[in-house]
Structure formats: structure tokens, C-alpha cells
Amino acid sequence: MRKKAKTWFVTRHPGAAEWARRQGLQADVLLAHLDTEKVSPGDTVVGTLPVNLAARVCARGARYLHLSLELPGVLRGRELSADELEAAGAIIEQYHIAGLSNAI
């Protein structure tokens, strides 16, 4: 029997979790840190992962959706509310990321 694909939402920010809820994102798993070894083919991972972790997600046969936004400098480095994320034009974009080789 095939396992049901999961949607993982990875964030440690309450404002991002609220923003995603408002957008209708229905996650099976909400967590602050992702163990990529637990991701299965067909799963979807949503968040703002470092590129190396996003590449591992994709290599495992899962989709990676990135919570993207362009913040002015004054908003960087602090917790943002769902309203501030909306005002900053936050969107979810799909990426497929693959590691190539060691650069150095």
C-alpha cells in the first residue's frame, strides 16, 4: 500500500504560519526544522529553506515551494506578522533545485 503524500510547512515564525493559513495552505505537518530524511517522494515541502536543504528535498522526489518576499532593510531581522507579510507581497513559488558539485 502506497503512503499518502504529505505537505510539510517549515517555519519558526508565527506570522508566517498565520499568513499560510490565510492563504489556504493546508499542511499535514508544521515544524520549525526539517529532517530531510523524513521527506518522501511525492511530498510537498513549503518554507524558506537554505538552498542545500531545498536541494535534498528535491533529490528525494518531493516538491519544494518557497515562501518568497522582498523585504526592505528596515523589516529584516525581526518577526513579521501575517499582515506585514501580506503587505510585503509574500507569495509561494515552486522551485526545483539540484546540487551540481563541489565548487572548490
C-alpha atoms as a PDB file:
ATOM      1  CA  MET A   1       0.000   0.000   0.000  1.00  0.00           C
ATOM      2  CA  ARG A   2       1.351   3.389  -1.020  1.00  0.00           C
ATOM      3  CA  LYS A   3       1.835   6.012   1.681  1.00  0.00           C
ATOM      4  CA  LYS A   4      -0.214   9.230   1.358  1.00  0.00           C
ATOM      5  CA  ALA A   5       1.909  12.199   0.312  1.00  0.00           C
ATOM      6  CA  LYS A   6       2.327  14.859   2.997  1.00  0.00           C
ATOM      7  CA  THR A   7       2.555  18.616   2.864  1.00  0.00           C
ATOM      8  CA  TRP A   8       5.199  19.941   5.247  1.00  0.00           C
ATOM      9  CA  PHE A   9       5.268  23.628   6.236  1.00  0.00           C
ATOM     10  CA  VAL A  10       8.605  24.583   7.740  1.00  0.00           C
ATOM     11  CA  THR A  11       8.713  27.820   9.713  1.00  0.00           C
ATOM     12  CA  ARG A  12       9.662  29.013  13.162  1.00  0.00           C
ATOM     13  CA  HIS A  13       7.702  32.222  12.659  1.00  0.00           C
ATOM     14  CA  PRO A  14       4.116  32.517  13.971  1.00  0.00           C
ATOM     15  CA  GLY A  15       3.391  35.297  11.452  1.00  0.00           C
ATOM     16  CA  ALA A  16       4.345  33.028   8.543  1.00  0.00           C
ATOM     17  CA  ALA A  17       2.165  30.227   9.904  1.00  0.00           C
ATOM     18  CA  GLU A  18      -0.791  32.624  10.164  1.00  0.00           C
ATOM     19  CA  TRP A  19      -0.101  34.029   6.680  1.00  0.00           C
ATOM     20  CA  ALA A  20      -0.084  30.499   5.222  1.00  0.00           C
ATOM     21  CA  ARG A  21      -3.356  29.676   6.986  1.00  0.00           C
ATOM     22  CA  ARG A  22      -4.928  32.809   5.481  1.00  0.00           C
ATOM     23  CA  GLN A  23      -3.740  31.698   2.032  1.00  0.00           C
ATOM     24  CA  GLY A  24      -5.499  28.364   2.466  1.00  0.00           C
ATOM     25  CA  LEU A  25      -2.329  26.288   2.795  1.00  0.00           C
ATOM     26  CA  GLN A  26      -3.290  23.006   4.397  1.00  0.00           C
ATOM     27  CA  ALA A  27      -0.204  21.389   5.853  1.00  0.00           C
ATOM     28  CA  ASP A  28      -0.148  17.906   7.326  1.00  0.00           C
ATOM     29  CA  VAL A  29       2.985  18.768   9.298  1.00  0.00           C
ATOM     30  CA  LEU A  30       4.005  22.160  10.738  1.00  0.00           C
ATOM     31  CA  LEU A  31       7.507  22.268  12.173  1.00  0.00           C
ATOM     32  CA  ALA A  32      10.388  24.644  12.881  1.00  0.00           C
ATOM     33  CA  HIS A  33      13.187  22.475  11.485  1.00  0.00           C
ATOM     34  CA  LEU A  34      13.045  19.834   8.762  1.00  0.00           C
ATOM     35  CA  ASP A  35      14.813  16.483   8.806  1.00  0.00           C
ATOM     36  CA  THR A  36      15.038  15.905   5.045  1.00  0.00           C
ATOM     37  CA  GLU A  37      15.417  12.161   5.618  1.00  0.00           C
ATOM     38  CA  LYS A  38      11.754  12.046   6.658  1.00  0.00           C
ATOM     39  CA  VAL A  39      10.547  13.534   3.352  1.00  0.00           C
ATOM     40  CA  SER A  40       9.178  11.001   0.854  1.00  0.00           C
ATOM     41  CA  PRO A  41       8.733  11.081  -2.920  1.00  0.00           C
ATOM     42  CA  GLY A  42       5.519  12.923  -3.770  1.00  0.00           C
ATOM     43  CA  ASP A  43       5.602  15.055  -0.608  1.00  0.00           C
ATOM     44  CA  THR A  44       5.496  18.850  -0.774  1.00  0.00           C
ATOM     45  CA  VAL A  45       7.719  20.993   1.426  1.00  0.00           C
ATOM     46  CA  VAL A  46       6.861  24.684   1.867  1.00  0.00           C
ATOM     47  CA  GLY A  47       9.131  27.184   3.597  1.00  0.00           C
ATOM     48  CA  THR A  48      12.258  29.277   3.277  1.00  0.00           C
ATOM     49  CA  LEU A  49      14.856  26.527   3.383  1.00  0.00           C
ATOM     50  CA  PRO A  50      18.560  27.050   2.783  1.00  0.00           C
ATOM     51  CA  VAL A  51      19.403  26.034  -0.776  1.00  0.00           C
ATOM     52  CA  ASN A  52      21.286  22.879   0.293  1.00  0.00           C
ATOM     53  CA  LEU A  53      18.247  21.574   2.207  1.00  0.00           C
ATOM     54  CA  ALA A  54      15.882  22.507  -0.631  1.00  0.00           C
ATOM     55  CA  ALA A  55      18.143  20.531  -2.992  1.00  0.00           C
ATOM     56  CA  ARG A  56      17.922  17.490  -0.682  1.00  0.00           C
ATOM     57  CA  VAL A  57      14.118  17.774  -0.671  1.00  0.00           C
ATOM     58  CA  CYS A  58      14.069  17.794  -4.478  1.00  0.00           C
ATOM     59  CA  ALA A  59      16.570  14.923  -4.678  1.00  0.00           C
ATOM     60  CA  ARG A  60      14.197  12.840  -2.562  1.00  0.00           C
ATOM     61  CA  GLY A  61      11.467  13.281  -5.190  1.00  0.00           C
ATOM     62  CA  ALA A  62       9.451  15.908  -3.308  1.00  0.00           C
ATOM     63  CA  ARG A  63       8.287  19.342  -4.458  1.00  0.00           C
ATOM     64  CA  TYR A  64       9.771  22.460  -2.895  1.00  0.00           C
ATOM     65  CA  LEU A  65       7.622  25.581  -2.599  1.00  0.00           C
ATOM     66  CA  HIS A  66       9.437  28.673  -1.363  1.00  0.00           C
ATOM     67  CA  LEU A  67       7.764  31.431   0.647  1.00  0.00           C
ATOM     68  CA  SER A  68       9.225  34.391  -1.248  1.00  0.00           C
ATOM     69  CA  LEU A  69       9.141  38.074  -0.412  1.00  0.00           C
ATOM     70  CA  GLU A  70      11.265  41.145  -0.898  1.00  0.00           C
ATOM     71  CA  LEU A  71      11.755  42.957   2.364  1.00  0.00           C
ATOM     72  CA  PRO A  72      13.035  46.476   2.817  1.00  0.00           C
ATOM     73  CA  GLY A  73      16.057  46.650   5.083  1.00  0.00           C
ATOM     74  CA  VAL A  74      14.076  48.075   7.993  1.00  0.00           C
ATOM     75  CA  LEU A  75      11.976  44.878   8.212  1.00  0.00           C
ATOM     76  CA  ARG A  76      14.863  42.408   8.087  1.00  0.00           C
ATOM     77  CA  GLY A  77      15.910  40.511  11.185  1.00  0.00           C
ATOM     78  CA  ARG A  78      12.661  40.757  13.113  1.00  0.00           C
ATOM     79  CA  GLU A  79       9.459  38.803  13.464  1.00  0.00           C
ATOM     80  CA  LEU A  80       6.851  39.749  10.887  1.00  0.00           C
ATOM     81  CA  SER A  81       3.118  39.482  11.328  1.00  0.00           C
ATOM     82  CA  ALA A  82       0.840  37.917   8.727  1.00  0.00           C
ATOM     83  CA  ASP A  83      -0.303  41.444   7.823  1.00  0.00           C
ATOM     84  CA  GLU A  84       3.290  42.570   7.260  1.00  0.00           C
ATOM     85  CA  LEU A  85       3.956  39.526   5.067  1.00  0.00           C
ATOM     86  CA  GLU A  86       0.868  40.353   3.008  1.00  0.00           C
ATOM     87  CA  ALA A  87       1.972  43.989   2.690  1.00  0.00           C
ATOM     88  CA  ALA A  88       5.431  42.812   1.561  1.00  0.00           C
ATOM     89  CA  GLY A  89       3.839  40.784  -1.246  1.00  0.00           C
ATOM     90  CA  ALA A  90       4.676  37.336   0.094  1.00  0.00           C
ATOM     91  CA  ILE A  91       3.972  34.532  -2.386  1.00  0.00           C
ATOM     92  CA  ILE A  92       4.636  30.817  -2.656  1.00  0.00           C
ATOM     93  CA  GLU A  93       6.731  29.812  -5.681  1.00  0.00           C
ATOM     94  CA  GLN A  94       7.742  26.328  -6.787  1.00  0.00           C
ATOM     95  CA  TYR A  95      11.432  25.626  -7.297  1.00  0.00           C
ATOM     96  CA  HIS A  96      13.373  22.568  -8.382  1.00  0.00           C
ATOM     97  CA  ILE A  97      16.886  22.789  -7.003  1.00  0.00           C
ATOM     98  CA  ALA A  98      19.689  20.382  -7.738  1.00  0.00           C
ATOM     99  CA  GLY A  99      23.227  20.350  -6.398  1.00  0.00           C
ATOM    100  CA  LEU A 100      25.864  20.058  -9.106  1.00  0.00           C
ATOM    101  CA  SER A 101      29.244  19.503  -7.486  1.00  0.00           C
ATOM    102  CA  ASN A 102      31.737  20.976  -5.077  1.00  0.00           C
ATOM    103  CA  ALA A 103      32.750  24.377  -6.440  1.00  0.00           C
ATOM    104  CA  ILE A 104      36.136  24.469  -4.759  1.00  0.00           C
END
